[in-house]
Amino acid sequence: MASYEVSRTLVKSPPELWAELEGERLREAIGESVKVKTKEPERELAWEGYGASGTAKIEPSSWGTKVTLTATIEEQVADAGFWGRFRRRPAPEPPTAEGLEQRLTGLLDNLGSAHRKPFVRE
């Protein structure tokens, strides 16, 4: 099993980051087939998808909010079983370690950027 962890302190409030991660942002970054559930309200989310799982933790920090994203990629050993070899069904592509780590880092970059301009009416 390969494990990855990326973290960053962002200058946003914990409720604001929680709302973004709990929404579609985490699912968009990792993959549409990912199931996201709350482990600890306002602090930790758990996610799992085909061959991978992880967490998103939010902790208050002195100058902002620390966001830690973890991922574990499971080895795909005999997932189809004995009869799976005879069915000739193509198995979905398991996530790659490099791609998942880049997506998690990209998510942190995206969360840290401003989405609205301050003091501008829309």
Foldseek 3Di string as FASTA:
>chain_A
DDKDKDKDFAADALVVVLVCCVPCLVCVLQHVQKDKDDPDPSAKIKIDGVQKIWMWGWAADPRGIMIMIMMDGHDDDCPCPDCNVVVPDDDDDGDDPVSNVVSVVVSVVVVRDDPDDPPDDD
